[in-house]
């Protein structure tokens, strides 16, 4: 949503291959984290924690970009709500990972 020029959310246009590349990198990082949990439980928790932290920073960036954009109020509100929900899901995932780690020790 942030890369579509119609919404006026960022100055630099991103091509479709660049968007797919970002999605592929995200999927690979999550897969590496899940694989690390399977192979070495403690290392996997830290890898997934770092991946979630990286994507939480991306969501914070989306929140700031939405606040500073010249887009319409409805689009800004939608972007802010999606970012807040994403941050909530990431935080809850970290809580679940921490509980799971303490339970399996």
PDB file of N, CA and C in Angstrom:
ATOM      1  N   UNK A   1       0.827  -1.190   0.000  1.00  0.00           N
ATOM      2  CA  UNK A   1       0.000   0.000   0.000  1.00  0.00           C
ATOM      3  C   UNK A   1       0.869   1.250   0.000  1.00  0.00           C
ATOM      4  N   UNK A   2       2.000   1.196   0.724  1.00  0.00           N
ATOM      5  CA  UNK A   2       2.833   2.384   0.807  1.00  0.00           C
ATOM      6  C   UNK A   2       3.567   2.677  -0.489  1.00  0.00           C
ATOM      7  N   UNK A   3       3.713   1.711  -1.359  1.00  0.00           N
ATOM      8  CA  UNK A   3       4.489   1.912  -2.577  1.00  0.00           C
ATOM      9  C   UNK A   3       3.639   2.332  -3.769  1.00  0.00           C
ATOM     10  N   UNK A   4       2.331   2.387  -3.619  1.00  0.00           N
ATOM     11  CA  UNK A   4       1.456   2.796  -4.717  1.00  0.00           C
ATOM     12  C   UNK A   4       1.404   4.316  -4.739  1.00  0.00           C
ATOM     13  N   UNK A   5       1.725   4.911  -5.873  1.00  0.00           N
ATOM     14  CA  UNK A   5       1.824   6.370  -5.957  1.00  0.00           C
ATOM     15  C   UNK A   5       0.477   7.064  -5.749  1.00  0.00           C
ATOM     16  N   UNK A   6      -0.606   6.390  -5.997  1.00  0.00           N
ATOM     17  CA  UNK A   6      -1.938   6.983  -5.841  1.00  0.00           C
ATOM     18  C   UNK A   6      -2.210   7.432  -4.399  1.00  0.00           C
ATOM     19  N   UNK A   7      -1.623   6.745  -3.427  1.00  0.00           N
ATOM     20  CA  UNK A   7      -1.900   7.044  -2.029  1.00  0.00           C
ATOM     21  C   UNK A   7      -1.028   8.164  -1.470  1.00  0.00           C
ATOM     22  N   UNK A   8       0.029   8.574  -2.178  1.00  0.00           N
ATOM     23  CA  UNK A   8       0.926   9.659  -1.751  1.00  0.00           C
ATOM     24  C   UNK A   8       1.558   9.385  -0.396  1.00  0.00           C
ATOM     25  N   UNK A   9       2.023   8.184  -0.181  1.00  0.00           N
ATOM     26  CA  UNK A   9       2.604   7.833   1.110  1.00  0.00           C
ATOM     27  C   UNK A   9       4.130   7.884   1.112  1.00  0.00           C
ATOM     28  N   UNK A  10       4.758   7.899  -0.041  1.00  0.00           N
ATOM     29  CA  UNK A  10       6.213   8.019  -0.073  1.00  0.00           C
ATOM     30  C   UNK A  10       6.633   8.648  -1.388  1.00  0.00           C
ATOM     31  N   UNK A  11       7.843   9.189  -1.398  1.00  0.00           N
ATOM     32  CA  UNK A  11       8.311   9.899  -2.581  1.00  0.00           C
ATOM     33  C   UNK A  11       8.890   8.941  -3.628  1.00  0.00           C
ATOM     34  N   UNK A  12       9.548   7.879  -3.211  1.00  0.00           N
ATOM     35  CA  UNK A  12      10.214   6.960  -4.131  1.00  0.00           C
ATOM     36  C   UNK A  12       9.247   5.866  -4.562  1.00  0.00           C
ATOM     37  N   UNK A  13       9.131   5.682  -5.853  1.00  0.00           N
ATOM     38  CA  UNK A  13       8.289   4.605  -6.365  1.00  0.00           C
ATOM     39  C   UNK A  13       9.056   3.293  -6.305  1.00  0.00           C
ATOM     40  N   UNK A  14       8.365   2.235  -5.939  1.00  0.00           N
ATOM     41  CA  UNK A  14       8.968   0.903  -5.854  1.00  0.00           C
ATOM     42  C   UNK A  14       8.312   0.038  -6.918  1.00  0.00           C
ATOM     43  N   UNK A  15       9.141  -0.655  -7.672  1.00  0.00           N
ATOM     44  CA  UNK A  15       8.615  -1.504  -8.740  1.00  0.00           C
ATOM     45  C   UNK A  15       8.065  -2.806  -8.157  1.00  0.00           C
ATOM     46  N   UNK A  16       7.297  -3.497  -8.961  1.00  0.00           N
ATOM     47  CA  UNK A  16       6.710  -4.766  -8.538  1.00  0.00           C
ATOM     48  C   UNK A  16       7.769  -5.815  -8.191  1.00  0.00           C
ATOM     49  N   UNK A  17       8.857  -5.956  -8.991  1.00  0.00           N
ATOM     50  CA  UNK A  17       9.896  -6.926  -8.582  1.00  0.00           C
ATOM     51  C   UNK A  17      10.541  -6.582  -7.230  1.00  0.00           C
ATOM     52  N   UNK A  18      10.691  -5.292  -6.938  1.00  0.00           N
ATOM     53  CA  UNK A  18      11.256  -4.910  -5.642  1.00  0.00           C
ATOM     54  C   UNK A  18      10.320  -5.291  -4.498  1.00  0.00           C
ATOM     55  N   UNK A  19       9.017  -5.149  -4.721  1.00  0.00           N
ATOM     56  CA  UNK A  19       8.058  -5.553  -3.684  1.00  0.00           C
ATOM     57  C   UNK A  19       8.119  -7.065  -3.462  1.00  0.00           C
ATOM     58  N   UNK A  20       8.192  -7.838  -4.550  1.00  0.00           N
ATOM     59  CA  UNK A  20       8.284  -9.295  -4.410  1.00  0.00           C
ATOM     60  C   UNK A  20       9.584  -9.701  -3.738  1.00  0.00           C
ATOM     61  N   UNK A  21      10.660  -8.967  -4.030  1.00  0.00           N
ATOM     62  CA  UNK A  21      11.943  -9.251  -3.393  1.00  0.00           C
ATOM     63  C   UNK A  21      11.844  -9.028  -1.883  1.00  0.00           C
ATOM     64  N   UNK A  22      11.200  -7.957  -1.465  1.00  0.00           N
ATOM     65  CA  UNK A  22      11.008  -7.706  -0.036  1.00  0.00           C
ATOM     66  C   UNK A  22      10.187  -8.791   0.633  1.00  0.00           C
ATOM     67  N   UNK A  23       9.131  -9.252  -0.050  1.00  0.00           N
ATOM     68  CA  UNK A  23       8.304 -10.328   0.491  1.00  0.00           C
ATOM     69  C   UNK A  23       9.091 -11.627   0.586  1.00  0.00           C
ATOM     70  N   UNK A  24       9.901 -11.917  -0.419  1.00  0.00           N
ATOM     71  CA  UNK A  24      10.716 -13.127  -0.403  1.00  0.00           C
ATOM     72  C   UNK A  24      11.739 -13.093   0.735  1.00  0.00           C
ATOM     73  N   UNK A  25      12.362 -11.946   0.951  1.00  0.00           N
ATOM     74  CA  UNK A  25      13.310 -11.801   2.061  1.00  0.00           C
ATOM     75  C   UNK A  25      12.607 -12.030   3.389  1.00  0.00           C
ATOM     76  N   UNK A  26      11.405 -11.491   3.538  1.00  0.00           N
ATOM     77  CA  UNK A  26      10.642 -11.689   4.772  1.00  0.00           C
ATOM     78  C   UNK A  26      10.344 -13.165   4.998  1.00  0.00           C
ATOM     79  N   UNK A  27       9.897 -13.849   3.969  1.00  0.00           N
ATOM     80  CA  UNK A  27       9.579 -15.269   4.108  1.00  0.00           C
ATOM     81  C   UNK A  27      10.820 -16.094   4.432  1.00  0.00           C
ATOM     82  N   UNK A  28      11.949 -15.760   3.812  1.00  0.00           N
ATOM     83  CA  UNK A  28      13.191 -16.487   4.091  1.00  0.00           C
ATOM     84  C   UNK A  28      13.612 -16.259   5.541  1.00  0.00           C
ATOM     85  N   UNK A  29      13.522 -15.019   6.026  1.00  0.00           N
ATOM     86  CA  UNK A  29      13.906 -14.743   7.412  1.00  0.00           C
ATOM     87  C   UNK A  29      13.022 -15.504   8.405  1.00  0.00           C
ATOM     88  N   UNK A  30      11.713 -15.529   8.157  1.00  0.00           N
ATOM     89  CA  UNK A  30      10.834 -16.286   9.040  1.00  0.00           C
ATOM     90  C   UNK A  30      11.142 -17.788   8.964  1.00  0.00           C
ATOM     91  N   UNK A  31      11.423 -18.293   7.747  1.00  0.00           N
ATOM     92  CA  UNK A  31      11.751 -19.708   7.598  1.00  0.00           C
ATOM     93  C   UNK A  31      13.038 -20.055   8.331  1.00  0.00           C
ATOM     94  N   UNK A  32      14.054 -19.179   8.239  1.00  0.00           N
ATOM     95  CA  UNK A  32      15.315 -19.418   8.947  1.00  0.00           C
ATOM     96  C   UNK A  32      15.069 -19.432  10.456  1.00  0.00           C
ATOM     97  N   UNK A  33      14.229 -18.532  10.939  1.00  0.00           N
ATOM     98  CA  UNK A  33      13.903 -18.520  12.370  1.00  0.00           C
ATOM     99  C   UNK A  33      13.202 -19.787  12.814  1.00  0.00           C
ATOM    100  N   UNK A  34      12.231 -20.233  12.040  1.00  0.00           N
ATOM    101  CA  UNK A  34      11.502 -21.451  12.397  1.00  0.00           C
ATOM    102  C   UNK A  34      12.418 -22.666  12.301  1.00  0.00           C
ATOM    103  N   UNK A  35      13.286 -22.700  11.285  1.00  0.00           N
ATOM    104  CA  UNK A  35      14.248 -23.786  11.161  1.00  0.00           C
ATOM    105  C   UNK A  35      15.219 -23.784  12.340  1.00  0.00           C
ATOM    106  N   UNK A  36      15.633 -22.599  12.785  1.00  0.00           N
ATOM    107  CA  UNK A  36      16.535 -22.512  13.929  1.00  0.00           C
ATOM    108  C   UNK A  36      15.854 -22.991  15.203  1.00  0.00           C
ATOM    109  N   UNK A  37      14.560 -22.737  15.356  1.00  0.00           N
ATOM    110  CA  UNK A  37      13.824 -23.262  16.517  1.00  0.00           C
ATOM    111  C   UNK A  37      13.822 -24.778  16.473  1.00  0.00           C
ATOM    112  N   UNK A  38      13.621 -25.342  15.288  1.00  0.00           N
ATOM    113  CA  UNK A  38      13.575 -26.792  15.144  1.00  0.00           C
ATOM    114  C   UNK A  38      14.935 -27.431  15.451  1.00  0.00           C
ATOM    115  N   UNK A  39      16.018 -26.812  14.964  1.00  0.00           N
ATOM    116  CA  UNK A  39      17.348 -27.385  15.140  1.00  0.00           C
ATOM    117  C   UNK A  39      17.935 -27.116  16.523  1.00  0.00           C
ATOM    118  N   UNK A  40      17.872 -25.897  16.958  1.00  0.00           N
ATOM    119  CA  UNK A  40      18.441 -25.510  18.242  1.00  0.00           C
ATOM    120  C   UNK A  40      17.480 -24.519  18.875  1.00  0.00           C
ATOM    121  N   UNK A  41      16.713 -24.985  19.824  1.00  0.00           N
ATOM    122  CA  UNK A  41      15.606 -24.218  20.354  1.00  0.00           C
ATOM    123  C   UNK A  41      16.006 -22.820  20.831  1.00  0.00           C
ATOM    124  N   UNK A  42      17.061 -22.698  21.600  1.00  0.00           N
ATOM    125  CA  UNK A  42      17.426 -21.395  22.156  1.00  0.00           C
ATOM    126  C   UNK A  42      17.868 -20.430  21.054  1.00  0.00           C
ATOM    127  N   UNK A  43      18.667 -20.902  20.094  1.00  0.00           N
ATOM    128  CA  UNK A  43      19.096 -20.053  18.990  1.00  0.00           C
ATOM    129  C   UNK A  43      17.887 -19.596  18.179  1.00  0.00           C
ATOM    130  N   UNK A  44      16.947 -20.476  17.978  1.00  0.00           N
ATOM    131  CA  UNK A  44      15.753 -20.145  17.212  1.00  0.00           C
ATOM    132  C   UNK A  44      14.925 -19.048  17.835  1.00  0.00           C
ATOM    133  N   UNK A  45      14.817 -19.052  19.153  1.00  0.00           N
ATOM    134  CA  UNK A  45      14.065 -17.994  19.819  1.00  0.00           C
ATOM    135  C   UNK A  45      14.714 -16.637  19.578  1.00  0.00           C
ATOM    136  N   UNK A  46      16.029 -16.603  19.630  1.00  0.00           N
ATOM    137  CA  UNK A  46      16.724 -15.337  19.409  1.00  0.00           C
ATOM    138  C   UNK A  46      16.624 -14.884  17.957  1.00  0.00           C
ATOM    139  N   UNK A  47      16.718 -15.808  17.021  1.00  0.00           N
ATOM    140  CA  UNK A  47      16.596 -15.460  15.603  1.00  0.00           C
ATOM    141  C   UNK A  47      15.197 -14.928  15.319  1.00  0.00           C
ATOM    142  N   UNK A  48      14.165 -15.617  15.807  1.00  0.00           N
ATOM    143  CA  UNK A  48      12.801 -15.129  15.591  1.00  0.00           C
ATOM    144  C   UNK A  48      12.573 -13.790  16.283  1.00  0.00           C
ATOM    145  N   UNK A  49      13.175 -13.596  17.444  1.00  0.00           N
ATOM    146  CA  UNK A  49      13.056 -12.309  18.133  1.00  0.00           C
ATOM    147  C   UNK A  49      13.664 -11.181  17.321  1.00  0.00           C
ATOM    148  N   UNK A  50      14.817 -11.439  16.704  1.00  0.00           N
ATOM    149  CA  UNK A  50      15.453 -10.416  15.866  1.00  0.00           C
ATOM    150  C   UNK A  50      14.623 -10.133  14.624  1.00  0.00           C
ATOM    151  N   UNK A  51      14.081 -11.177  14.009  1.00  0.00           N
ATOM    152  CA  UNK A  51      13.235 -10.997  12.825  1.00  0.00           C
ATOM    153  C   UNK A  51      12.000 -10.168  13.186  1.00  0.00           C
ATOM    154  N   UNK A  52      11.378 -10.480  14.299  1.00  0.00           N
ATOM    155  CA  UNK A  52      10.191  -9.734  14.713  1.00  0.00           C
ATOM    156  C   UNK A  52      10.557  -8.286  15.036  1.00  0.00           C
ATOM    157  N   UNK A  53      11.714  -8.073  15.639  1.00  0.00           N
ATOM    158  CA  UNK A  53      12.167  -6.712  15.925  1.00  0.00           C
ATOM    159  C   UNK A  53      12.382  -5.928  14.633  1.00  0.00           C
ATOM    160  N   UNK A  54      12.986  -6.548  13.629  1.00  0.00           N
ATOM    161  CA  UNK A  54      13.216  -5.875  12.344  1.00  0.00           C
ATOM    162  C   UNK A  54      11.888  -5.460  11.717  1.00  0.00           C
ATOM    163  N   UNK A  55      10.917  -6.358  11.724  1.00  0.00           N
ATOM    164  CA  UNK A  55       9.638  -6.024  11.117  1.00  0.00           C
ATOM    165  C   UNK A  55       8.819  -5.065  11.976  1.00  0.00           C
ATOM    166  N   UNK A  56       9.052  -5.047  13.263  1.00  0.00           N
ATOM    167  CA  UNK A  56       8.407  -4.040  14.105  1.00  0.00           C
ATOM    168  C   UNK A  56       8.951  -2.654  13.783  1.00  0.00           C
ATOM    169  N   UNK A  57      10.248  -2.556  13.518  1.00  0.00           N
ATOM    170  CA  UNK A  57      10.816  -1.267  13.108  1.00  0.00           C
ATOM    171  C   UNK A  57      10.217  -0.819  11.771  1.00  0.00           C
ATOM    172  N   UNK A  58       9.982  -1.761  10.878  1.00  0.00           N
ATOM    173  CA  UNK A  58       9.321  -1.432   9.617  1.00  0.00           C
ATOM    174  C   UNK A  58       7.904  -0.916   9.835  1.00  0.00           C
ATOM    175  N   UNK A  59       7.192  -1.508  10.782  1.00  0.00           N
ATOM    176  CA  UNK A  59       5.836  -1.041  11.087  1.00  0.00           C
ATOM    177  C   UNK A  59       5.855   0.345  11.728  1.00  0.00           C
ATOM    178  N   UNK A  60       6.844   0.606  12.568  1.00  0.00           N
ATOM    179  CA  UNK A  60       6.982   1.944  13.146  1.00  0.00           C
ATOM    180  C   UNK A  60       7.269   2.952  12.032  1.00  0.00           C
ATOM    181  N   UNK A  61       8.098   2.573  11.073  1.00  0.00           N
ATOM    182  CA  UNK A  61       8.365   3.433   9.927  1.00  0.00           C
ATOM    183  C   UNK A  61       7.084   3.693   9.136  1.00  0.00           C
ATOM    184  N   UNK A  62       6.254   2.669   8.968  1.00  0.00           N
ATOM    185  CA  UNK A  62       4.978   2.843   8.266  1.00  0.00           C
ATOM    186  C   UNK A  62       4.063   3.797   9.028  1.00  0.00           C
ATOM    187  N   UNK A  63       4.057   3.695  10.349  1.00  0.00           N
ATOM    188  CA  UNK A  63       3.253   4.615  11.152  1.00  0.00           C
ATOM    189  C   UNK A  63       3.722   6.057  10.975  1.00  0.00           C
ATOM    190  N   UNK A  64       5.028   6.258  10.985  1.00  0.00           N
ATOM    191  CA  UNK A  64       5.560   7.614  10.813  1.00  0.00           C
ATOM    192  C   UNK A  64       5.315   8.134   9.403  1.00  0.00           C
ATOM    193  N   UNK A  65       5.462   7.279   8.398  1.00  0.00           N
ATOM    194  CA  UNK A  65       5.214   7.691   7.016  1.00  0.00           C
ATOM    195  C   UNK A  65       3.746   8.057   6.822  1.00  0.00           C
ATOM    196  N   UNK A  66       2.855   7.299   7.437  1.00  0.00           N
ATOM    197  CA  UNK A  66       1.434   7.613   7.341  1.00  0.00           C
ATOM    198  C   UNK A  66       1.104   8.931   8.004  1.00  0.00           C
ATOM    199  N   UNK A  67       1.740   9.210   9.112  1.00  0.00           N
ATOM    200  CA  UNK A  67       1.494  10.464   9.832  1.00  0.00           C
ATOM    201  C   UNK A  67       1.995  11.657   9.037  1.00  0.00           C
ATOM    202  N   UNK A  68       3.129  11.494   8.354  1.00  0.00           N
ATOM    203  CA  UNK A  68       3.752  12.609   7.641  1.00  0.00           C
ATOM    204  C   UNK A  68       3.306  12.728   6.189  1.00  0.00           C
ATOM    205  N   UNK A  69       2.478  11.824   5.713  1.00  0.00           N
ATOM    206  CA  UNK A  69       2.116  11.826   4.296  1.00  0.00           C
ATOM    207  C   UNK A  69       1.076  12.899   3.994  1.00  0.00           C
ATOM    208  N   UNK A  70       0.896  13.141   2.703  1.00  0.00           N
ATOM    209  CA  UNK A  70      -0.116  14.096   2.245  1.00  0.00           C
ATOM    210  C   UNK A  70      -1.371  13.379   1.765  1.00  0.00           C
ATOM    211  N   UNK A  71      -1.513  12.128   2.116  1.00  0.00           N
ATOM    212  CA  UNK A  71      -2.665  11.331   1.677  1.00  0.00           C
ATOM    213  C   UNK A  71      -3.921  11.788   2.417  1.00  0.00           C
ATOM    214  N   UNK A  72      -5.055  11.300   1.952  1.00  0.00           N
ATOM    215  CA  UNK A  72      -6.319  11.611   2.594  1.00  0.00           C
ATOM    216  C   UNK A  72      -6.404  11.017   3.986  1.00  0.00           C
ATOM    217  N   UNK A  73      -7.283  11.569   4.789  1.00  0.00           N
ATOM    218  CA  UNK A  73      -7.405  11.145   6.184  1.00  0.00           C
ATOM    219  C   UNK A  73      -7.800   9.676   6.310  1.00  0.00           C
ATOM    220  N   UNK A  74      -8.648   9.178   5.407  1.00  0.00           N
ATOM    221  CA  UNK A  74      -9.067   7.777   5.485  1.00  0.00           C
ATOM    222  C   UNK A  74      -7.884   6.834   5.253  1.00  0.00           C
ATOM    223  N   UNK A  75      -7.037   7.189   4.291  1.00  0.00           N
ATOM    224  CA  UNK A  75      -5.876   6.349   3.994  1.00  0.00           C
ATOM    225  C   UNK A  75      -4.885   6.391   5.145  1.00  0.00           C
ATOM    226  N   UNK A  76      -4.678   7.588   5.701  1.00  0.00           N
ATOM    227  CA  UNK A  76      -3.783   7.703   6.859  1.00  0.00           C
ATOM    228  C   UNK A  76      -4.296   6.868   8.027  1.00  0.00           C
ATOM    229  N   UNK A  77      -5.599   6.950   8.278  1.00  0.00           N
ATOM    230  CA  UNK A  77      -6.191   6.190   9.375  1.00  0.00           C
ATOM    231  C   UNK A  77      -6.053   4.692   9.142  1.00  0.00           C
ATOM    232  N   UNK A  78      -6.299   4.250   7.928  1.00  0.00           N
ATOM    233  CA  UNK A  78      -6.165   2.824   7.600  1.00  0.00           C
ATOM    234  C   UNK A  78      -4.731   2.356   7.809  1.00  0.00           C
ATOM    235  N   UNK A  79      -3.775   3.146   7.360  1.00  0.00           N
ATOM    236  CA  UNK A  79      -2.369   2.781   7.527  1.00  0.00           C
ATOM    237  C   UNK A  79      -1.984   2.743   9.002  1.00  0.00           C
ATOM    238  N   UNK A  80      -2.457   3.698   9.780  1.00  0.00           N
ATOM    239  CA  UNK A  80      -2.149   3.726  11.209  1.00  0.00           C
ATOM    240  C   UNK A  80      -2.765   2.526  11.934  1.00  0.00           C
ATOM    241  N   UNK A  81      -3.987   2.174  11.574  1.00  0.00           N
ATOM    242  CA  UNK A  81      -4.652   1.033  12.212  1.00  0.00           C
ATOM    243  C   UNK A  81      -3.933  -0.274  11.855  1.00  0.00           C
ATOM    244  N   UNK A  82      -3.574  -0.432  10.582  1.00  0.00           N
ATOM    245  CA  UNK A  82      -2.864  -1.646  10.169  1.00  0.00           C
ATOM    246  C   UNK A  82      -1.519  -1.733  10.870  1.00  0.00           C
ATOM    247  N   UNK A  83      -0.799  -0.627  10.972  1.00  0.00           N
ATOM    248  CA  UNK A  83       0.491  -0.618  11.663  1.00  0.00           C
ATOM    249  C   UNK A  83       0.356  -0.945  13.138  1.00  0.00           C
ATOM    250  N   UNK A  84      -0.667  -0.384  13.780  1.00  0.00           N
ATOM    251  CA  UNK A  84      -0.881  -0.658  15.206  1.00  0.00           C
ATOM    252  C   UNK A  84      -1.257  -2.124  15.432  1.00  0.00           C
ATOM    253  N   UNK A  85      -2.099  -2.672  14.570  1.00  0.00           N
ATOM    254  CA  UNK A  85      -2.459  -4.090  14.681  1.00  0.00           C
ATOM    255  C   UNK A  85      -1.225  -4.965  14.473  1.00  0.00           C
ATOM    256  N   UNK A  86      -0.399  -4.626  13.484  1.00  0.00           N
ATOM    257  CA  UNK A  86       0.826  -5.387  13.234  1.00  0.00           C
ATOM    258  C   UNK A  86       1.776  -5.346  14.415  1.00  0.00           C
ATOM    259  N   UNK A  87       1.929  -4.172  15.031  1.00  0.00           N
ATOM    260  CA  UNK A  87       2.784  -4.064  16.215  1.00  0.00           C
ATOM    261  C   UNK A  87       2.221  -4.885  17.369  1.00  0.00           C
ATOM    262  N   UNK A  88       0.900  -4.867  17.511  1.00  0.00           N
ATOM    263  CA  UNK A  88       0.272  -5.674  18.559  1.00  0.00           C
ATOM    264  C   UNK A  88       0.502  -7.160  18.341  1.00  0.00           C
ATOM    265  N   UNK A  89       0.369  -7.605  17.107  1.00  0.00           N
ATOM    266  CA  UNK A  89       0.605  -9.018  16.794  1.00  0.00           C
ATOM    267  C   UNK A  89       2.063  -9.385  17.049  1.00  0.00           C
ATOM    268  N   UNK A  90       2.995  -8.515  16.656  1.00  0.00           N
ATOM    269  CA  UNK A  90       4.412  -8.787  16.897  1.00  0.00           C
ATOM    270  C   UNK A  90       4.710  -8.859  18.389  1.00  0.00           C
ATOM    271  N   UNK A  91       4.155  -7.945  19.169  1.00  0.00           N
ATOM    272  CA  UNK A  91       4.378  -7.958  20.616  1.00  0.00           C
ATOM    273  C   UNK A  91       3.814  -9.239  21.228  1.00  0.00           C
ATOM    274  N   UNK A  92       2.603  -9.622  20.819  1.00  0.00           N
ATOM    275  CA  UNK A  92       1.993 -10.830  21.349  1.00  0.00           C
ATOM    276  C   UNK A  92       2.793 -12.076  20.957  1.00  0.00           C
ATOM    277  N   UNK A  93       3.357 -12.081  19.728  1.00  0.00           N
ATOM    278  CA  UNK A  93       4.195 -13.193  19.302  1.00  0.00           C
ATOM    279  C   UNK A  93       5.443 -13.297  20.165  1.00  0.00           C
ATOM    280  N   UNK A  94       6.050 -12.158  20.504  1.00  0.00           N
ATOM    281  CA  UNK A  94       7.210 -12.176  21.394  1.00  0.00           C
ATOM    282  C   UNK A  94       6.838 -12.711  22.773  1.00  0.00           C
ATOM    283  N   UNK A  95       5.666 -12.334  23.278  1.00  0.00           N
ATOM    284  CA  UNK A  95       5.205 -12.843  24.571  1.00  0.00           C
ATOM    285  C   UNK A  95       5.024 -14.356  24.506  1.00  0.00           C
ATOM    286  N   UNK A  96       4.392 -14.840  23.431  1.00  0.00           N
ATOM    287  CA  UNK A  96       4.195 -16.293  23.284  1.00  0.00           C
ATOM    288  C   UNK A  96       5.525 -17.029  23.166  1.00  0.00           C
ATOM    289  N   UNK A  97       6.473 -16.474  22.410  1.00  0.00           N
ATOM    290  CA  UNK A  97       7.783 -17.115  22.287  1.00  0.00           C
ATOM    291  C   UNK A  97       8.498 -17.172  23.637  1.00  0.00           C
ATOM    292  N   UNK A  98       8.384 -16.098  24.412  1.00  0.00           N
ATOM    293  CA  UNK A  98       9.025 -16.073  25.727  1.00  0.00           C
ATOM    294  C   UNK A  98       8.397 -17.111  26.651  1.00  0.00           C
ATOM    295  N   UNK A  99       7.074 -17.204  26.640  1.00  0.00           N
ATOM    296  CA  UNK A  99       6.401 -18.213  27.475  1.00  0.00           C
ATOM    297  C   UNK A  99       6.784 -19.619  27.048  1.00  0.00           C
ATOM    298  N   UNK A 100       6.851 -19.852  25.745  1.00  0.00           N
ATOM    299  CA  UNK A 100       7.195 -21.166  25.220  1.00  0.00           C
ATOM    300  C   UNK A 100       8.629 -21.516  25.603  1.00  0.00           C
ATOM    301  N   UNK A 101       9.534 -20.537  25.525  1.00  0.00           N
ATOM    302  CA  UNK A 101      10.936 -20.783  25.881  1.00  0.00           C
ATOM    303  C   UNK A 101      11.054 -21.150  27.352  1.00  0.00           C
ATOM    304  N   UNK A 102      10.332 -20.428  28.234  1.00  0.00           N
ATOM    305  CA  UNK A 102      10.400 -20.730  29.660  1.00  0.00           C
ATOM    306  C   UNK A 102       9.764 -22.088  29.975  1.00  0.00           C
ATOM    307  N   UNK A 103       8.733 -22.452  29.239  1.00  0.00           N
ATOM    308  CA  UNK A 103       8.056 -23.723  29.458  1.00  0.00           C
ATOM    309  C   UNK A 103       8.927 -24.902  29.020  1.00  0.00           C
ATOM    310  N   UNK A 104       9.734 -24.715  27.961  1.00  0.00           N
ATOM    311  CA  UNK A 104      10.523 -25.828  27.439  1.00  0.00           C
ATOM    312  C   UNK A 104      11.892 -25.944  28.104  1.00  0.00           C
ATOM    313  N   UNK A 105      12.265 -24.998  28.944  1.00  0.00           N
ATOM    314  CA  UNK A 105      13.567 -25.089  29.633  1.00  0.00           C
ATOM    315  C   UNK A 105      13.534 -26.111  30.729  1.00  0.00           C
TER     316      UNK A 105
END
